[in-house]
Amino acid sequence: MEYYNYIKSLHLIFVVTWFAGLFYIPRLFIYHIEASQKPSPEKEILTKQLKLMTKRLWYIITWPSAVLCSIFAIWLLVLMPGWLQQPWMHVKLAFVLLLFFYHGRNHLIFKQLQRDEVRYTSRYMRIWNEVATLVLFAVVFLVILKSAINWVFGVLGILVLGVLIMLGIRLYKGIRDKNPEA
């Protein structure tokens, strides 16, 4: 148990780097989608650069972080099996499964854009980009408070946060419509 805090620290480091990748990859998708609507040669130059950036982010940071985060999380559960008996951990693991689903969907979008298949709008991707934020809020509050009883208040808080994010996206769209350089 003397190395427990080292394992926990490594887990948290890779949670941070995984989320960094999950926060940034949809932003690169947005730029890629918007670049696909530009005239030549700007379209080709931007698309080539964005493909390289997303490939490096995805395979050098995001995927390895997800794997290492998971390995250290499983190690922590092996060291502390009693956590699996606690309701807050069940809810947290449900959010982690949601995060893996989100990661998987981002992988599919990544592959599509690498093949120059643009299936989503930049507005859709701006909304999609906030899923990781909502999961992060939920997981942090669950882990810190260690309470599944208050998850109802947490869900309501997440919904309010979601509404605020949507309002922020609409506000920013209005600003961008008036000033495309914003």
Protein backbone atom coordinates (compact mmCIF):
# COMPACT_ATOMS: atom_id res chain seq x y z
CA MET A 1 0.00 0.00 0.00
CA GLU A 2 3.00 2.31 0.28
CA TYR A 3 2.94 2.78 -3.49
CA TYR A 4 -0.82 3.48 -3.60
CA ASN A 5 -0.30 7.26 -3.86
CA TYR A 6 2.14 6.77 -6.75
CA ILE A 7 -0.41 4.71 -8.65
CA LYS A 8 -3.12 7.25 -7.88
CA SER A 9 -0.86 10.10 -9.04
CA LEU A 10 -0.10 8.32 -12.31
CA HIS A 11 -3.80 7.62 -12.81
CA LEU A 12 -4.62 11.31 -12.32
CA ILE A 13 -1.82 12.44 -14.64
CA PHE A 14 -3.17 10.24 -17.42
CA VAL A 15 -6.75 11.34 -16.70
CA VAL A 16 -5.57 14.91 -17.29
CA THR A 17 -3.70 14.10 -20.50
CA TRP A 18 -6.57 11.95 -21.79
CA PHE A 19 -9.03 14.77 -21.21
CA ALA A 20 -6.63 17.24 -22.80
CA GLY A 21 -6.76 15.12 -25.94
CA LEU A 22 -10.54 14.73 -25.74
CA PHE A 23 -10.97 18.48 -25.32
CA TYR A 24 -8.69 19.39 -28.20
CA ILE A 25 -9.54 16.74 -30.82
CA PRO A 26 -13.10 18.03 -31.51
CA ARG A 27 -11.67 21.55 -31.79
CA LEU A 28 -9.33 20.27 -34.51
CA PHE A 29 -12.33 18.56 -36.12
CA ILE A 30 -14.10 21.93 -36.21
CA TYR A 31 -11.11 23.55 -37.93
CA HIS A 32 -10.90 20.63 -40.37
CA ILE A 33 -14.59 20.89 -41.25
CA GLU A 34 -14.32 24.65 -41.73
CA ALA A 35 -11.14 24.22 -43.82
CA SER A 36 -12.99 21.84 -46.13
CA GLN A 37 -15.25 24.75 -47.12
CA LYS A 38 -12.38 27.07 -48.08
CA PRO A 39 -11.31 27.68 -51.68
CA SER A 40 -8.20 26.04 -53.17
CA PRO A 41 -5.28 26.06 -52.38
CA GLU A 42 -6.14 27.15 -48.82
CA LYS A 43 -8.40 24.12 -48.39
CA GLU A 44 -5.68 21.61 -49.30
CA ILE A 45 -2.96 23.32 -47.25
CA LEU A 46 -5.11 23.58 -44.11
CA THR A 47 -6.55 20.09 -44.48
CA LYS A 48 -3.11 18.51 -44.82
CA GLN A 49 -1.83 20.32 -41.70
CA LEU A 50 -4.96 19.54 -39.65
CA LYS A 51 -4.80 15.86 -40.58
CA LEU A 52 -1.23 15.72 -39.31
CA MET A 53 -2.07 17.58 -36.10
CA THR A 54 -5.06 15.35 -35.32
CA LYS A 55 -3.10 12.20 -36.11
CA ARG A 56 -0.29 13.18 -33.74
CA LEU A 57 -2.68 14.27 -30.98
CA TRP A 58 -4.79 11.15 -31.31
CA TYR A 59 -2.06 8.52 -31.49
CA ILE A 60 0.71 10.13 -29.43
CA ILE A 61 -1.31 11.69 -26.60
CA THR A 62 -4.97 10.71 -26.46
CA TRP A 63 -4.92 6.94 -27.07
CA PRO A 64 -1.85 6.22 -24.91
CA SER A 65 -3.33 8.37 -22.12
CA ALA A 66 -6.64 6.49 -22.26
CA VAL A 67 -4.85 3.15 -22.05
CA LEU A 68 -2.50 4.18 -19.24
CA CYS A 69 -5.32 5.88 -17.32
CA SER A 70 -7.30 2.64 -17.51
CA ILE A 71 -4.37 0.46 -16.45
CA PHE A 72 -3.73 2.60 -13.37
CA ALA A 73 -7.47 2.75 -12.59
CA ILE A 74 -7.71 -1.04 -12.65
CA TRP A 75 -4.60 -1.25 -10.48
CA LEU A 76 -6.22 1.10 -7.96
CA LEU A 77 -9.36 -1.06 -7.91
CA VAL A 78 -7.23 -4.14 -7.30
CA LEU A 79 -5.59 -2.35 -4.37
CA MET A 80 -8.93 -1.05 -3.07
CA PRO A 81 -11.58 -3.65 -4.03
CA GLY A 82 -14.00 -2.23 -1.46
CA TRP A 83 -14.62 0.73 -3.77
CA LEU A 84 -16.56 -1.59 -6.07
CA GLN A 85 -19.08 -2.02 -3.26
CA GLN A 86 -19.82 1.70 -3.08
CA PRO A 87 -22.72 3.23 -5.05
CA TRP A 88 -20.76 6.36 -6.01
CA MET A 89 -18.22 4.13 -7.75
CA HIS A 90 -20.98 2.44 -9.77
CA VAL A 91 -22.17 5.83 -11.00
CA LYS A 92 -18.58 6.91 -11.71
CA LEU A 93 -17.92 3.75 -13.73
CA ALA A 94 -21.08 4.42 -15.74
CA PHE A 95 -19.68 7.85 -16.62
CA VAL A 96 -16.34 6.25 -17.49
CA LEU A 97 -18.17 3.91 -19.89
CA LEU A 98 -19.84 6.97 -21.40
CA LEU A 99 -16.38 8.53 -21.77
CA PHE A 100 -15.11 5.43 -23.59
CA PHE A 101 -18.12 5.65 -25.92
CA TYR A 102 -17.30 9.32 -26.54
CA HIS A 103 -13.67 8.39 -27.20
CA GLY A 104 -14.77 5.70 -29.66
CA ARG A 105 -17.08 8.08 -31.53
CA ASN A 106 -14.23 10.59 -31.75
CA HIS A 107 -12.08 7.83 -33.23
CA LEU A 108 -14.69 7.19 -35.93
CA ILE A 109 -14.93 10.92 -36.71
CA PHE A 110 -11.12 11.10 -36.79
CA LYS A 111 -10.97 8.23 -39.32
CA GLN A 112 -13.68 9.85 -41.47
CA LEU A 113 -11.87 13.18 -41.58
CA GLN A 114 -8.57 11.45 -42.36
CA ARG A 115 -10.38 10.10 -45.45
CA ASP A 116 -11.78 13.59 -46.21
CA GLU A 117 -15.31 12.47 -45.36
CA VAL A 118 -17.02 15.46 -43.76
CA ARG A 119 -20.27 14.19 -42.23
CA TYR A 120 -20.85 16.79 -39.52
CA THR A 121 -21.19 20.54 -39.36
CA SER A 122 -18.84 22.68 -37.33
CA ARG A 123 -21.82 23.66 -35.16
CA TYR A 124 -22.55 20.02 -34.38
CA MET A 125 -18.89 19.52 -33.45
CA ARG A 126 -18.97 22.56 -31.14
CA ILE A 127 -21.82 20.94 -29.22
CA TRP A 128 -20.15 17.51 -29.38
CA ASN A 129 -17.00 19.09 -27.93
CA GLU A 130 -18.82 19.72 -24.63
CA VAL A 131 -19.62 16.08 -23.85
CA ALA A 132 -16.21 15.53 -22.28
CA THR A 133 -16.71 18.63 -20.12
CA LEU A 134 -19.97 17.28 -18.75
CA VAL A 135 -18.45 13.88 -18.01
CA LEU A 136 -15.46 15.51 -16.31
CA PHE A 137 -17.72 17.57 -14.02
CA ALA A 138 -19.75 14.49 -13.09
CA VAL A 139 -16.74 12.29 -12.36
CA VAL A 140 -14.83 14.90 -10.35
CA PHE A 141 -17.83 15.62 -8.13
CA LEU A 142 -18.52 11.90 -7.65
CA VAL A 143 -14.92 11.16 -6.69
CA ILE A 144 -14.50 14.15 -4.38
CA LEU A 145 -17.91 13.90 -2.66
CA LYS A 146 -18.05 10.08 -2.80
CA SER A 147 -21.81 10.26 -2.77
CA ALA A 148 -24.20 8.59 -5.15
CA ILE A 149 -27.13 9.89 -3.10
CA ASN A 150 -26.48 13.43 -4.26
CA TRP A 151 -26.13 12.35 -7.87
CA VAL A 152 -29.61 13.73 -8.60
CA PHE A 153 -28.37 17.21 -7.68
CA GLY A 154 -25.26 16.50 -9.72
CA VAL A 155 -27.32 15.54 -12.76
CA LEU A 156 -29.40 18.69 -12.37
CA GLY A 157 -26.18 20.69 -12.10
CA ILE A 158 -24.82 19.02 -15.23
CA LEU A 159 -28.04 19.82 -17.09
CA VAL A 160 -27.82 23.46 -16.00
CA LEU A 161 -24.16 23.49 -17.08
CA GLY A 162 -25.20 21.98 -20.43
CA VAL A 163 -27.81 24.69 -20.95
CA LEU A 164 -25.24 27.37 -20.09
CA ILE A 165 -22.77 25.84 -22.54
CA MET A 166 -25.42 25.81 -25.29
CA LEU A 167 -26.23 29.45 -24.58
CA GLY A 168 -22.53 30.24 -24.74
CA ILE A 169 -22.23 28.47 -28.11
CA ARG A 170 -25.20 30.44 -29.48
CA LEU A 171 -23.78 33.69 -28.14
CA TYR A 172 -20.40 32.95 -29.71
CA LYS A 173 -22.08 32.07 -33.02
CA GLY A 174 -23.82 35.44 -32.98
CA ILE A 175 -20.52 37.18 -32.33
CA ARG A 176 -18.83 35.22 -35.12
CA ASP A 177 -21.66 36.00 -37.54
CA LYS A 178 -21.10 39.69 -36.90
CA ASN A 179 -17.29 39.43 -36.87
CA PRO A 180 -15.84 36.33 -38.60
CA GLU A 181 -12.39 37.11 -37.15
CA ALA A 182 -13.66 36.74 -33.54
